[in-house]
Amino acid sequence: MLELHECPLCWSGGARFLHRSDDRIGVREFYECGECDLVFVPPEFHLPSEAEEERYLLHDNRPDDPAYRAFLGRLWDELRPRLRPGARGLDFGCGPGPALAHMMRESGFSVELYDLYFFPDPAPLARTYDFVTCTETFEHIRRPAELLYQLGSLLEPGGRLGVMTGMLDDRAQFADWGYQRDPTHIAFFSVYTMRWIARKMRWSADFPAPNIAIFRVPDSDI
């Protein structure tokens, strides 16, 4: 019998086996949490950091690529109208080619960068922002609970967090879902998971388009 695992988002200890893959990228197991609905890959199946970085370098994410800009625009077109002119932002997990930051700056916003591998200077993490974006980042996170509290600490009262990630809402199709076949994808969120996050963090959540969540933190704690 396959063992239960602790969920890295809500820390529930009863996450149950969902799927086992054995293909060209190797063997991986996936577990689903009955509390927050997260599907995750246990740590023993994670890539080493060096191999993870090498795979990221294979991505062609040039800031001047029209197709990539259109892809990122799915989030930015929804987030931008919710921001005041001149708002300050952070592109968290921007990757080697921070195309979204270029787009936001072109729109007149001030944006800083952080990425564990490609923009690792921690100085931007010591400041606060009107908005933070995480595009195609959540699915790579090894410790999502820690990430959420970190992101919360980066946002000003009333600030917004824009997230784009492949949402998993049909378990029956999981084995054939291309998104889970990327070996760097280790955490899969459903709309239910995103709503769980909003309740846990005391944020509001909006889902204006497929695979997009926009969170808003309260104006104050009062």
N, C-alpha and C. Protein backbone atom coordinates (compact mmCIF):
# COMPACT_ATOMS: atom_id res chain seq x y z
N MET A 1 0.85 -1.20 0.00
CA MET A 1 0.00 0.00 0.00
C MET A 1 0.88 1.25 0.00
N LEU A 2 0.55 2.21 -0.85
CA LEU A 2 1.31 3.45 -0.91
C LEU A 2 0.98 4.30 0.31
N GLU A 3 2.00 4.93 0.85
CA GLU A 3 1.84 5.69 2.09
C GLU A 3 1.14 7.01 1.85
N LEU A 4 0.61 7.58 2.94
CA LEU A 4 0.05 8.92 2.89
C LEU A 4 1.18 9.93 2.97
N HIS A 5 0.92 11.14 2.49
CA HIS A 5 1.94 12.18 2.53
C HIS A 5 1.36 13.45 3.15
N GLU A 6 2.25 14.26 3.70
CA GLU A 6 1.86 15.55 4.25
C GLU A 6 1.76 16.57 3.12
N CYS A 7 0.66 17.30 3.09
CA CYS A 7 0.46 18.32 2.06
C CYS A 7 1.37 19.51 2.32
N PRO A 8 2.11 19.99 1.32
CA PRO A 8 3.01 21.13 1.53
C PRO A 8 2.30 22.48 1.57
N LEU A 9 0.98 22.49 1.35
CA LEU A 9 0.23 23.74 1.41
C LEU A 9 -0.51 23.89 2.74
N CYS A 10 -1.28 22.89 3.13
CA CYS A 10 -2.09 23.03 4.35
C CYS A 10 -1.57 22.17 5.50
N TRP A 11 -0.55 21.34 5.24
CA TRP A 11 0.09 20.49 6.23
C TRP A 11 -0.79 19.35 6.71
N SER A 12 -1.90 19.10 6.04
CA SER A 12 -2.69 17.92 6.35
C SER A 12 -1.85 16.67 6.07
N GLY A 13 -1.96 15.68 6.95
CA GLY A 13 -1.14 14.49 6.81
C GLY A 13 -1.79 13.37 6.04
N GLY A 14 -2.95 13.62 5.45
CA GLY A 14 -3.70 12.53 4.85
C GLY A 14 -3.79 12.58 3.34
N ALA A 15 -2.82 13.21 2.66
CA ALA A 15 -2.87 13.26 1.20
C ALA A 15 -2.72 11.85 0.63
N ARG A 16 -3.57 11.53 -0.32
CA ARG A 16 -3.62 10.17 -0.85
C ARG A 16 -3.09 10.08 -2.28
N PHE A 17 -2.63 8.91 -2.62
CA PHE A 17 -2.08 8.64 -3.94
C PHE A 17 -3.11 8.92 -5.02
N LEU A 18 -2.67 9.62 -6.09
CA LEU A 18 -3.54 9.91 -7.22
C LEU A 18 -3.05 9.23 -8.50
N HIS A 19 -1.75 9.31 -8.78
CA HIS A 19 -1.26 8.85 -10.09
C HIS A 19 0.23 8.58 -10.00
N ARG A 20 0.67 7.63 -10.81
CA ARG A 20 2.10 7.32 -10.94
C ARG A 20 2.45 7.33 -12.41
N SER A 21 3.45 8.11 -12.78
CA SER A 21 3.89 8.17 -14.17
C SER A 21 5.25 7.50 -14.29
N ASP A 22 5.47 6.89 -15.41
CA ASP A 22 6.76 6.24 -15.70
C ASP A 22 6.97 6.37 -17.20
N ASP A 23 7.59 7.48 -17.58
CA ASP A 23 7.78 7.75 -19.01
C ASP A 23 9.17 8.31 -19.24
N ARG A 24 9.33 9.06 -20.31
CA ARG A 24 10.66 9.53 -20.68
C ARG A 24 11.28 10.47 -19.67
N ILE A 25 10.48 11.09 -18.82
CA ILE A 25 11.06 11.98 -17.81
C ILE A 25 11.29 11.26 -16.49
N GLY A 26 10.98 9.98 -16.45
CA GLY A 26 11.23 9.19 -15.26
C GLY A 26 9.98 8.89 -14.46
N VAL A 27 10.20 8.28 -13.31
CA VAL A 27 9.09 7.89 -12.44
C VAL A 27 8.74 9.05 -11.51
N ARG A 28 7.44 9.33 -11.41
CA ARG A 28 6.97 10.33 -10.45
C ARG A 28 5.64 9.86 -9.88
N GLU A 29 5.40 10.22 -8.63
CA GLU A 29 4.11 9.95 -8.00
C GLU A 29 3.44 11.27 -7.65
N PHE A 30 2.12 11.27 -7.69
CA PHE A 30 1.32 12.45 -7.42
C PHE A 30 0.31 12.11 -6.34
N TYR A 31 0.14 13.03 -5.39
CA TYR A 31 -0.80 12.83 -4.29
C TYR A 31 -1.77 14.00 -4.26
N GLU A 32 -3.00 13.72 -3.78
CA GLU A 32 -4.01 14.77 -3.69
C GLU A 32 -4.44 14.94 -2.24
N CYS A 33 -4.58 16.20 -1.85
CA CYS A 33 -4.94 16.53 -0.47
C CYS A 33 -6.46 16.65 -0.36
N GLY A 34 -7.04 15.98 0.61
CA GLY A 34 -8.47 16.06 0.83
C GLY A 34 -8.90 17.32 1.55
N GLU A 35 -7.96 18.09 2.07
CA GLU A 35 -8.28 19.31 2.81
C GLU A 35 -8.31 20.53 1.88
N CYS A 36 -7.20 20.79 1.18
CA CYS A 36 -7.11 21.99 0.34
C CYS A 36 -7.19 21.69 -1.16
N ASP A 37 -7.21 20.42 -1.53
CA ASP A 37 -7.36 19.97 -2.91
C ASP A 37 -6.09 20.10 -3.74
N LEU A 38 -4.97 20.43 -3.13
CA LEU A 38 -3.72 20.51 -3.88
C LEU A 38 -3.31 19.12 -4.34
N VAL A 39 -2.81 19.02 -5.57
CA VAL A 39 -2.13 17.82 -6.04
C VAL A 39 -0.64 18.15 -6.10
N PHE A 40 0.18 17.27 -5.57
CA PHE A 40 1.60 17.59 -5.47
C PHE A 40 2.46 16.35 -5.68
N VAL A 41 3.71 16.61 -6.02
CA VAL A 41 4.73 15.57 -6.17
C VAL A 41 5.58 15.58 -4.91
N PRO A 42 5.73 14.47 -4.20
CA PRO A 42 6.53 14.44 -2.97
C PRO A 42 8.00 14.76 -3.26
N PRO A 43 8.72 15.25 -2.25
CA PRO A 43 10.10 15.70 -2.44
C PRO A 43 11.04 14.67 -3.05
N GLU A 44 10.81 13.39 -2.78
CA GLU A 44 11.74 12.39 -3.31
C GLU A 44 11.71 12.29 -4.84
N PHE A 45 10.72 12.93 -5.47
CA PHE A 45 10.63 12.91 -6.92
C PHE A 45 10.97 14.27 -7.54
N HIS A 46 11.43 15.22 -6.74
CA HIS A 46 11.79 16.53 -7.27
C HIS A 46 13.15 16.46 -7.98
N LEU A 47 13.31 17.28 -9.01
CA LEU A 47 14.60 17.39 -9.67
C LEU A 47 15.60 18.09 -8.76
N PRO A 48 16.88 17.74 -8.85
CA PRO A 48 17.90 18.55 -8.17
C PRO A 48 17.88 19.98 -8.72
N SER A 49 18.32 20.93 -7.92
CA SER A 49 18.26 22.33 -8.32
C SER A 49 19.00 22.59 -9.63
N GLU A 50 20.15 21.93 -9.83
CA GLU A 50 20.93 22.15 -11.04
C GLU A 50 20.16 21.70 -12.28
N ALA A 51 19.51 20.54 -12.19
CA ALA A 51 18.73 20.05 -13.33
C ALA A 51 17.51 20.91 -13.57
N GLU A 52 16.93 21.44 -12.50
CA GLU A 52 15.77 22.32 -12.64
C GLU A 52 16.16 23.59 -13.39
N GLU A 53 17.27 24.19 -13.00
CA GLU A 53 17.73 25.41 -13.66
C GLU A 53 18.04 25.16 -15.13
N GLU A 54 18.68 24.03 -15.42
CA GLU A 54 19.00 23.70 -16.81
C GLU A 54 17.74 23.60 -17.66
N ARG A 55 16.71 23.05 -17.09
CA ARG A 55 15.46 22.93 -17.86
C ARG A 55 14.84 24.30 -18.10
N TYR A 56 14.88 25.18 -17.11
CA TYR A 56 14.34 26.52 -17.30
C TYR A 56 15.07 27.26 -18.43
N LEU A 57 16.37 27.00 -18.57
CA LEU A 57 17.14 27.67 -19.61
C LEU A 57 16.74 27.22 -21.01
N LEU A 58 16.04 26.11 -21.11
CA LEU A 58 15.56 25.63 -22.40
C LEU A 58 14.34 26.41 -22.88
N HIS A 59 13.68 27.13 -21.98
CA HIS A 59 12.48 27.89 -22.35
C HIS A 59 12.87 29.10 -23.20
N ASP A 60 12.13 29.33 -24.24
CA ASP A 60 12.36 30.49 -25.11
C ASP A 60 11.36 31.57 -24.73
N ASN A 61 11.73 32.38 -23.72
CA ASN A 61 10.82 33.38 -23.18
C ASN A 61 11.35 34.78 -23.44
N ARG A 62 11.56 35.11 -24.70
CA ARG A 62 12.11 36.40 -25.05
C ARG A 62 11.08 37.52 -24.89
N PRO A 63 11.49 38.66 -24.30
CA PRO A 63 10.54 39.77 -24.11
C PRO A 63 9.96 40.32 -25.40
N ASP A 64 10.62 40.09 -26.54
CA ASP A 64 10.12 40.63 -27.81
C ASP A 64 9.35 39.59 -28.62
N ASP A 65 9.07 38.44 -28.06
CA ASP A 65 8.34 37.38 -28.75
C ASP A 65 6.84 37.69 -28.68
N PRO A 66 6.19 37.99 -29.80
CA PRO A 66 4.76 38.35 -29.76
C PRO A 66 3.88 37.26 -29.16
N ALA A 67 4.19 35.99 -29.46
CA ALA A 67 3.37 34.90 -28.94
C ALA A 67 3.49 34.81 -27.42
N TYR A 68 4.69 34.99 -26.91
CA TYR A 68 4.89 34.92 -25.46
C TYR A 68 4.23 36.11 -24.78
N ARG A 69 4.33 37.28 -25.38
CA ARG A 69 3.68 38.46 -24.83
C ARG A 69 2.16 38.29 -24.81
N ALA A 70 1.62 37.68 -25.84
CA ALA A 70 0.18 37.44 -25.86
C ALA A 70 -0.22 36.47 -24.76
N PHE A 71 0.62 35.47 -24.53
CA PHE A 71 0.36 34.50 -23.47
C PHE A 71 0.33 35.21 -22.11
N LEU A 72 1.34 36.02 -21.83
CA LEU A 72 1.40 36.73 -20.55
C LEU A 72 0.30 37.78 -20.45
N GLY A 73 -0.11 38.30 -21.60
CA GLY A 73 -1.17 39.30 -21.60
C GLY A 73 -2.49 38.79 -21.06
N ARG A 74 -2.67 37.50 -21.02
CA ARG A 74 -3.89 36.94 -20.46
C ARG A 74 -4.03 37.32 -18.99
N LEU A 75 -2.91 37.39 -18.27
CA LEU A 75 -2.95 37.88 -16.89
C LEU A 75 -2.93 39.40 -16.84
N TRP A 76 -2.01 39.99 -17.57
CA TRP A 76 -1.82 41.43 -17.47
C TRP A 76 -3.06 42.20 -17.90
N ASP A 77 -3.76 41.72 -18.91
CA ASP A 77 -4.98 42.41 -19.35
C ASP A 77 -6.06 42.40 -18.28
N GLU A 78 -6.04 41.41 -17.40
CA GLU A 78 -7.02 41.35 -16.31
C GLU A 78 -6.56 42.13 -15.08
N LEU A 79 -5.25 42.13 -14.83
CA LEU A 79 -4.74 42.79 -13.64
C LEU A 79 -4.63 44.30 -13.81
N ARG A 80 -4.20 44.74 -14.97
CA ARG A 80 -3.91 46.17 -15.19
C ARG A 80 -5.09 47.08 -14.85
N PRO A 81 -6.33 46.76 -15.26
CA PRO A 81 -7.44 47.68 -14.92
C PRO A 81 -7.72 47.77 -13.42
N ARG A 82 -7.21 46.86 -12.64
CA ARG A 82 -7.44 46.86 -11.20
C ARG A 82 -6.39 47.67 -10.45
N LEU A 83 -5.42 48.25 -11.16
CA LEU A 83 -4.31 48.97 -10.53
C LEU A 83 -4.44 50.46 -10.77
N ARG A 84 -4.00 51.23 -9.78
CA ARG A 84 -3.98 52.68 -9.95
C ARG A 84 -2.79 53.06 -10.84
N PRO A 85 -2.86 54.18 -11.54
CA PRO A 85 -1.72 54.61 -12.37
C PRO A 85 -0.45 54.76 -11.54
N GLY A 86 0.65 54.27 -12.08
CA GLY A 86 1.92 54.40 -11.40
C GLY A 86 2.16 53.43 -10.26
N ALA A 87 1.29 52.43 -10.10
CA ALA A 87 1.46 51.46 -9.01
C ALA A 87 2.81 50.75 -9.14
N ARG A 88 3.35 50.34 -7.99
CA ARG A 88 4.65 49.66 -7.94
C ARG A 88 4.42 48.17 -7.81
N GLY A 89 5.17 47.40 -8.63
CA GLY A 89 4.97 45.97 -8.61
C GLY A 89 6.26 45.17 -8.57
N LEU A 90 6.09 43.88 -8.33
CA LEU A 90 7.19 42.92 -8.32
C LEU A 90 6.78 41.73 -9.19
N ASP A 91 7.65 41.38 -10.14
CA ASP A 91 7.44 40.18 -10.95
C ASP A 91 8.23 39.05 -10.27
N PHE A 92 7.51 38.23 -9.50
CA PHE A 92 8.13 37.19 -8.67
C PHE A 92 8.18 35.89 -9.48
N GLY A 93 9.40 35.35 -9.64
CA GLY A 93 9.57 34.16 -10.46
C GLY A 93 9.57 34.51 -11.94
N CYS A 94 10.25 35.60 -12.29
CA CYS A 94 10.16 36.16 -13.64
C CYS A 94 10.90 35.33 -14.69
N GLY A 95 11.80 34.44 -14.28
CA GLY A 95 12.54 33.64 -15.24
C GLY A 95 13.66 34.42 -15.89
N PRO A 96 14.38 33.79 -16.84
CA PRO A 96 15.54 34.44 -17.45
C PRO A 96 15.18 35.57 -18.40
N GLY A 97 13.97 35.56 -18.95
CA GLY A 97 13.53 36.62 -19.86
C GLY A 97 12.29 37.29 -19.34
N PRO A 98 12.44 38.34 -18.52
CA PRO A 98 11.26 38.93 -17.82
C PRO A 98 10.36 39.74 -18.75
N ALA A 99 9.68 39.03 -19.63
CA ALA A 99 8.83 39.70 -20.62
C ALA A 99 7.68 40.45 -19.98
N LEU A 100 7.08 39.86 -18.95
CA LEU A 100 5.94 40.53 -18.32
C LEU A 100 6.36 41.86 -17.71
N ALA A 101 7.52 41.90 -17.09
CA ALA A 101 8.01 43.15 -16.51
C ALA A 101 8.17 44.21 -17.59
N HIS A 102 8.67 43.83 -18.76
CA HIS A 102 8.78 44.76 -19.87
C HIS A 102 7.41 45.30 -20.25
N MET A 103 6.44 44.44 -20.32
CA MET A 103 5.09 44.85 -20.69
C MET A 103 4.50 45.80 -19.65
N MET A 104 4.73 45.51 -18.37
CA MET A 104 4.19 46.36 -17.31
C MET A 104 4.87 47.72 -17.31
N ARG A 105 6.17 47.74 -17.57
CA ARG A 105 6.88 49.02 -17.62
C ARG A 105 6.44 49.84 -18.82
N GLU A 106 6.18 49.17 -19.94
CA GLU A 106 5.66 49.87 -21.11
C GLU A 106 4.31 50.53 -20.82
N SER A 107 3.58 49.96 -19.87
CA SER A 107 2.27 50.51 -19.49
C SER A 107 2.39 51.59 -18.42
N GLY A 108 3.62 51.94 -18.05
CA GLY A 108 3.83 53.03 -17.11
C GLY A 108 3.94 52.63 -15.65
N PHE A 109 4.15 51.34 -15.38
CA PHE A 109 4.26 50.88 -14.01
C PHE A 109 5.72 50.62 -13.65
N SER A 110 6.04 50.84 -12.40
CA SER A 110 7.37 50.55 -11.87
C SER A 110 7.41 49.12 -11.38
N VAL A 111 8.36 48.32 -11.89
CA VAL A 111 8.38 46.90 -11.60
C VAL A 111 9.79 46.44 -11.26
N GLU A 112 9.90 45.69 -10.18
CA GLU A 112 11.16 45.05 -9.82
C GLU A 112 11.07 43.56 -10.11
N LEU A 113 12.24 42.90 -10.08
CA LEU A 113 12.34 41.50 -10.47
C LEU A 113 12.90 40.64 -9.36
N TYR A 114 12.36 39.43 -9.26
CA TYR A 114 12.99 38.42 -8.41
C TYR A 114 12.76 37.05 -9.02
N ASP A 115 13.83 36.27 -9.06
CA ASP A 115 13.76 34.88 -9.48
C ASP A 115 14.86 34.11 -8.75
N LEU A 116 14.52 32.97 -8.23
CA LEU A 116 15.46 32.18 -7.43
C LEU A 116 16.75 31.90 -8.17
N TYR A 117 16.66 31.65 -9.48
CA TYR A 117 17.85 31.30 -10.25
C TYR A 117 18.42 32.45 -11.07
N PHE A 118 17.57 33.30 -11.64
CA PHE A 118 18.03 34.24 -12.64
C PHE A 118 18.10 35.69 -12.16
N PHE A 119 17.36 36.03 -11.14
CA PHE A 119 17.45 37.35 -10.51
C PHE A 119 17.39 37.15 -9.00
N PRO A 120 18.45 36.54 -8.42
CA PRO A 120 18.39 36.09 -7.03
C PRO A 120 18.70 37.17 -5.98
N ASP A 121 18.97 38.40 -6.41
CA ASP A 121 19.22 39.47 -5.44
C ASP A 121 18.01 39.58 -4.50
N PRO A 122 18.21 39.40 -3.18
CA PRO A 122 17.07 39.42 -2.25
C PRO A 122 16.55 40.82 -1.92
N ALA A 123 17.23 41.86 -2.38
CA ALA A 123 16.84 43.22 -2.00
C ALA A 123 15.37 43.53 -2.32
N PRO A 124 14.83 43.13 -3.49
CA PRO A 124 13.41 43.41 -3.75
C PRO A 124 12.46 42.74 -2.78
N LEU A 125 12.91 41.69 -2.10
CA LEU A 125 12.05 40.99 -1.15
C LEU A 125 11.98 41.70 0.19
N ALA A 126 12.75 42.77 0.35
CA ALA A 126 12.72 43.55 1.59
C ALA A 126 11.81 44.76 1.47
N ARG A 127 11.15 44.92 0.33
CA ARG A 127 10.26 46.05 0.10
C ARG A 127 8.82 45.57 -0.04
N THR A 128 7.88 46.49 -0.10
CA THR A 128 6.47 46.14 -0.30
C THR A 128 5.97 46.81 -1.58
N TYR A 129 4.87 46.25 -2.11
CA TYR A 129 4.41 46.63 -3.45
C TYR A 129 2.88 46.73 -3.48
N ASP A 130 2.42 47.46 -4.49
CA ASP A 130 0.99 47.56 -4.74
C ASP A 130 0.46 46.28 -5.41
N PHE A 131 1.33 45.60 -6.13
CA PHE A 131 0.94 44.35 -6.77
C PHE A 131 2.15 43.45 -6.98
N VAL A 132 1.88 42.16 -7.01
CA VAL A 132 2.90 41.14 -7.30
C VAL A 132 2.31 40.21 -8.35
N THR A 133 3.12 39.83 -9.33
CA THR A 133 2.69 38.86 -10.33
C THR A 133 3.51 37.58 -10.20
N CYS A 134 2.83 36.46 -10.40
CA CYS A 134 3.47 35.13 -10.43
C CYS A 134 2.90 34.40 -11.64
N THR A 135 3.58 34.46 -12.76
CA THR A 135 3.10 33.79 -13.97
C THR A 135 3.88 32.51 -14.19
N GLU A 136 3.17 31.40 -14.27
CA GLU A 136 3.77 30.09 -14.47
C GLU A 136 4.88 29.86 -13.44
N THR A 137 4.55 30.14 -12.19
CA THR A 137 5.50 30.02 -11.08
C THR A 137 4.98 29.07 -10.00
N PHE A 138 3.70 29.17 -9.66
CA PHE A 138 3.16 28.38 -8.56
C PHE A 138 3.39 26.88 -8.74
N GLU A 139 3.34 26.40 -9.96
CA GLU A 139 3.48 24.97 -10.20
C GLU A 139 4.89 24.45 -9.94
N HIS A 140 5.85 25.36 -9.76
CA HIS A 140 7.24 24.95 -9.51
C HIS A 140 7.61 24.99 -8.03
N ILE A 141 6.73 25.45 -7.18
CA ILE A 141 7.08 25.77 -5.80
C ILE A 141 7.10 24.52 -4.92
N ARG A 142 8.21 24.32 -4.23
CA ARG A 142 8.37 23.14 -3.36
C ARG A 142 7.64 23.31 -2.03
N ARG A 143 7.58 24.55 -1.54
CA ARG A 143 6.95 24.81 -0.24
C ARG A 143 5.91 25.94 -0.41
N PRO A 144 4.76 25.62 -0.95
CA PRO A 144 3.78 26.68 -1.26
C PRO A 144 3.26 27.44 -0.05
N ALA A 145 3.18 26.78 1.10
CA ALA A 145 2.70 27.50 2.29
C ALA A 145 3.65 28.65 2.63
N GLU A 146 4.94 28.39 2.59
CA GLU A 146 5.92 29.43 2.87
C GLU A 146 5.84 30.54 1.83
N LEU A 147 5.64 30.16 0.58
CA LEU A 147 5.56 31.16 -0.48
C LEU A 147 4.39 32.12 -0.24
N LEU A 148 3.24 31.59 0.14
CA LEU A 148 2.08 32.45 0.31
C LEU A 148 2.30 33.50 1.39
N TYR A 149 2.88 33.09 2.51
CA TYR A 149 3.12 34.07 3.56
C TYR A 149 4.19 35.08 3.14
N GLN A 150 5.15 34.63 2.35
CA GLN A 150 6.14 35.56 1.82
C GLN A 150 5.49 36.57 0.88
N LEU A 151 4.65 36.10 -0.01
CA LEU A 151 3.97 37.01 -0.93
C LEU A 151 3.06 37.97 -0.19
N GLY A 152 2.38 37.47 0.82
CA GLY A 152 1.53 38.34 1.63
C GLY A 152 2.32 39.46 2.28
N SER A 153 3.54 39.16 2.71
CA SER A 153 4.37 40.17 3.37
C SER A 153 4.88 41.22 2.39
N LEU A 154 4.83 40.93 1.10
CA LEU A 154 5.32 41.85 0.08
C LEU A 154 4.26 42.84 -0.38
N LEU A 155 3.00 42.61 0.00
CA LEU A 155 1.90 43.42 -0.52
C LEU A 155 1.46 44.49 0.46
N GLU A 156 1.27 45.68 -0.04
CA GLU A 156 0.69 46.77 0.73
C GLU A 156 -0.78 46.47 1.01
N PRO A 157 -1.38 47.10 2.04
CA PRO A 157 -2.82 46.96 2.23
C PRO A 157 -3.58 47.32 0.96
N GLY A 158 -4.51 46.46 0.60
CA GLY A 158 -5.25 46.67 -0.64
C GLY A 158 -4.52 46.19 -1.88
N GLY A 159 -3.33 45.61 -1.71
CA GLY A 159 -2.54 45.16 -2.85
C GLY A 159 -3.12 43.92 -3.50
N ARG A 160 -2.64 43.66 -4.70
CA ARG A 160 -3.15 42.52 -5.47
C ARG A 160 -2.02 41.58 -5.88
N LEU A 161 -2.38 40.30 -5.87
CA LEU A 161 -1.49 39.24 -6.32
C LEU A 161 -2.12 38.59 -7.53
N GLY A 162 -1.44 38.67 -8.67
CA GLY A 162 -1.93 38.06 -9.89
C GLY A 162 -1.20 36.76 -10.17
N VAL A 163 -1.93 35.68 -10.29
CA VAL A 163 -1.36 34.35 -10.48
C VAL A 163 -1.88 33.74 -11.77
N MET A 164 -0.95 33.19 -12.55
CA MET A 164 -1.34 32.39 -13.71
C MET A 164 -0.65 31.04 -13.62
N THR A 165 -1.44 29.99 -13.59
CA THR A 165 -0.93 28.62 -13.52
C THR A 165 -2.01 27.70 -14.08
N GLY A 166 -1.61 26.56 -14.56
CA GLY A 166 -2.58 25.61 -15.07
C GLY A 166 -3.46 25.08 -13.95
N MET A 167 -4.75 25.34 -14.02
CA MET A 167 -5.68 24.92 -12.97
C MET A 167 -6.17 23.49 -13.24
N LEU A 168 -6.15 22.70 -12.19
CA LEU A 168 -6.57 21.31 -12.29
C LEU A 168 -7.95 21.15 -11.69
N ASP A 169 -8.95 20.96 -12.53
CA ASP A 169 -10.31 20.81 -12.04
C ASP A 169 -11.00 19.55 -12.57
N ASP A 170 -10.23 18.69 -13.23
CA ASP A 170 -10.79 17.43 -13.73
C ASP A 170 -9.80 16.32 -13.47
N ARG A 171 -9.96 15.65 -12.31
CA ARG A 171 -9.03 14.59 -11.95
C ARG A 171 -9.03 13.44 -12.96
N ALA A 172 -10.16 13.21 -13.61
CA ALA A 172 -10.27 12.08 -14.53
C ALA A 172 -9.31 12.22 -15.71
N GLN A 173 -8.94 13.46 -16.03
CA GLN A 173 -8.06 13.70 -17.17
C GLN A 173 -6.60 13.89 -16.75
N PHE A 174 -6.29 13.68 -15.48
CA PHE A 174 -4.96 14.02 -14.99
C PHE A 174 -3.86 13.25 -15.72
N ALA A 175 -4.04 11.96 -15.94
CA ALA A 175 -3.00 11.13 -16.54
C ALA A 175 -2.62 11.62 -17.94
N ASP A 176 -3.58 12.23 -18.64
CA ASP A 176 -3.33 12.70 -20.00
C ASP A 176 -3.04 14.19 -20.07
N TRP A 177 -3.00 14.86 -18.94
CA TRP A 177 -2.81 16.31 -18.89
C TRP A 177 -1.34 16.63 -19.15
N GLY A 178 -1.06 17.35 -20.21
CA GLY A 178 0.32 17.66 -20.55
C GLY A 178 1.05 18.45 -19.49
N TYR A 179 0.32 19.24 -18.73
CA TYR A 179 0.94 20.12 -17.72
C TYR A 179 1.69 19.31 -16.66
N GLN A 180 1.20 18.14 -16.32
CA GLN A 180 1.84 17.36 -15.27
C GLN A 180 3.07 16.59 -15.79
N ARG A 181 3.32 16.65 -17.09
CA ARG A 181 4.45 15.91 -17.65
C ARG A 181 5.76 16.70 -17.64
N ASP A 182 5.69 17.95 -17.27
CA ASP A 182 6.92 18.74 -17.11
C ASP A 182 7.53 18.37 -15.77
N PRO A 183 8.79 17.89 -15.75
CA PRO A 183 9.37 17.42 -14.49
C PRO A 183 9.61 18.51 -13.46
N THR A 184 9.53 19.79 -13.88
CA THR A 184 9.67 20.88 -12.91
C THR A 184 8.33 21.29 -12.32
N HIS A 185 7.24 20.73 -12.83
CA HIS A 185 5.90 21.03 -12.30
C HIS A 185 5.59 20.05 -11.17
N ILE A 186 5.48 20.58 -9.96
CA ILE A 186 5.36 19.71 -8.79
C ILE A 186 4.18 20.07 -7.90
N ALA A 187 3.42 21.12 -8.23
CA ALA A 187 2.26 21.53 -7.43
C ALA A 187 1.17 22.00 -8.38
N PHE A 188 -0.03 21.45 -8.19
CA PHE A 188 -1.14 21.71 -9.11
C PHE A 188 -2.35 22.18 -8.32
N PHE A 189 -2.83 23.37 -8.68
CA PHE A 189 -3.88 24.05 -7.94
C PHE A 189 -5.18 23.99 -8.72
N SER A 190 -6.26 23.78 -8.02
CA SER A 190 -7.59 23.88 -8.60
C SER A 190 -8.20 25.21 -8.17
N VAL A 191 -9.34 25.55 -8.75
CA VAL A 191 -10.06 26.74 -8.28
C VAL A 191 -10.41 26.58 -6.80
N TYR A 192 -10.78 25.35 -6.40
CA TYR A 192 -11.06 25.10 -4.99
C TYR A 192 -9.84 25.42 -4.13
N THR A 193 -8.65 25.01 -4.59
CA THR A 193 -7.42 25.30 -3.84
C THR A 193 -7.21 26.80 -3.73
N MET A 194 -7.44 27.51 -4.81
CA MET A 194 -7.25 28.96 -4.77
C MET A 194 -8.24 29.61 -3.82
N ARG A 195 -9.45 29.11 -3.77
CA ARG A 195 -10.42 29.66 -2.81
C ARG A 195 -10.01 29.31 -1.38
N TRP A 196 -9.45 28.13 -1.19
CA TRP A 196 -8.94 27.75 0.13
C TRP A 196 -7.84 28.71 0.56
N ILE A 197 -6.95 29.03 -0.36
CA ILE A 197 -5.87 29.98 -0.08
C ILE A 197 -6.46 31.33 0.34
N ALA A 198 -7.46 31.81 -0.39
CA ALA A 198 -8.06 33.10 -0.07
C ALA A 198 -8.64 33.09 1.34
N ARG A 199 -9.33 32.01 1.70
CA ARG A 199 -9.87 31.93 3.06
C ARG A 199 -8.77 31.89 4.10
N LYS A 200 -7.75 31.09 3.84
CA LYS A 200 -6.65 30.95 4.80
C LYS A 200 -5.92 32.28 5.00
N MET A 201 -5.69 33.01 3.93
CA MET A 201 -4.92 34.24 3.99
C MET A 201 -5.79 35.47 4.26
N ARG A 202 -7.11 35.27 4.30
CA ARG A 202 -8.07 36.36 4.48
C ARG A 202 -7.97 37.37 3.34
N TRP A 203 -7.81 36.84 2.14
CA TRP A 203 -7.83 37.64 0.93
C TRP A 203 -9.16 37.40 0.21
N SER A 204 -9.47 38.28 -0.73
CA SER A 204 -10.55 37.98 -1.67
C SER A 204 -9.92 37.40 -2.93
N ALA A 205 -10.72 36.68 -3.70
CA ALA A 205 -10.20 36.04 -4.91
C ALA A 205 -11.17 36.21 -6.05
N ASP A 206 -10.61 36.45 -7.23
CA ASP A 206 -11.41 36.58 -8.44
C ASP A 206 -10.76 35.70 -9.51
N PHE A 207 -11.58 35.11 -10.37
CA PHE A 207 -11.09 34.23 -11.43
C PHE A 207 -11.64 34.74 -12.76
N PRO A 208 -11.01 35.79 -13.30
CA PRO A 208 -11.57 36.47 -14.47
C PRO A 208 -11.39 35.73 -15.79
N ALA A 209 -10.50 34.74 -15.82
CA ALA A 209 -10.24 33.99 -17.05
C ALA A 209 -9.68 32.63 -16.65
N PRO A 210 -9.73 31.64 -17.56
CA PRO A 210 -9.18 30.33 -17.22
C PRO A 210 -7.71 30.41 -16.80
N ASN A 211 -7.37 29.68 -15.75
CA ASN A 211 -5.99 29.57 -15.25
C ASN A 211 -5.45 30.86 -14.66
N ILE A 212 -6.34 31.77 -14.30
CA ILE A 212 -5.92 33.05 -13.72
C ILE A 212 -6.68 33.29 -12.42
N ALA A 213 -5.93 33.65 -11.39
CA ALA A 213 -6.52 34.07 -10.12
C ALA A 213 -5.93 35.41 -9.73
N ILE A 214 -6.78 36.32 -9.30
CA ILE A 214 -6.31 37.61 -8.79
C ILE A 214 -6.81 37.75 -7.36
N PHE A 215 -5.85 37.81 -6.45
CA PHE A 215 -6.15 37.96 -5.03
C PHE A 215 -6.01 39.42 -4.63
N ARG A 216 -6.79 39.82 -3.66
CA ARG A 216 -6.67 41.16 -3.10
C ARG A 216 -6.60 41.06 -1.58
N VAL A 217 -5.57 41.70 -1.01
CA VAL A 217 -5.43 41.68 0.44
C VAL A 217 -6.31 42.79 1.02
N PRO A 218 -6.73 42.68 2.27
CA PRO A 218 -7.59 43.73 2.86
C PRO A 218 -6.89 45.08 2.89
N ASP A 219 -7.70 46.12 2.95
CA ASP A 219 -7.13 47.46 3.05
C ASP A 219 -6.38 47.66 4.35
N SER A 220 -6.83 47.00 5.41
CA SER A 220 -6.13 47.07 6.70
C SER A 220 -6.56 45.85 7.52
N ASP A 221 -5.89 45.66 8.62
CA ASP A 221 -6.23 44.57 9.53
C ASP A 221 -7.31 44.95 10.52
N ILE A 222 -7.75 46.19 10.46
CA ILE A 222 -8.75 46.67 11.41
C ILE A 222 -10.15 46.26 10.97
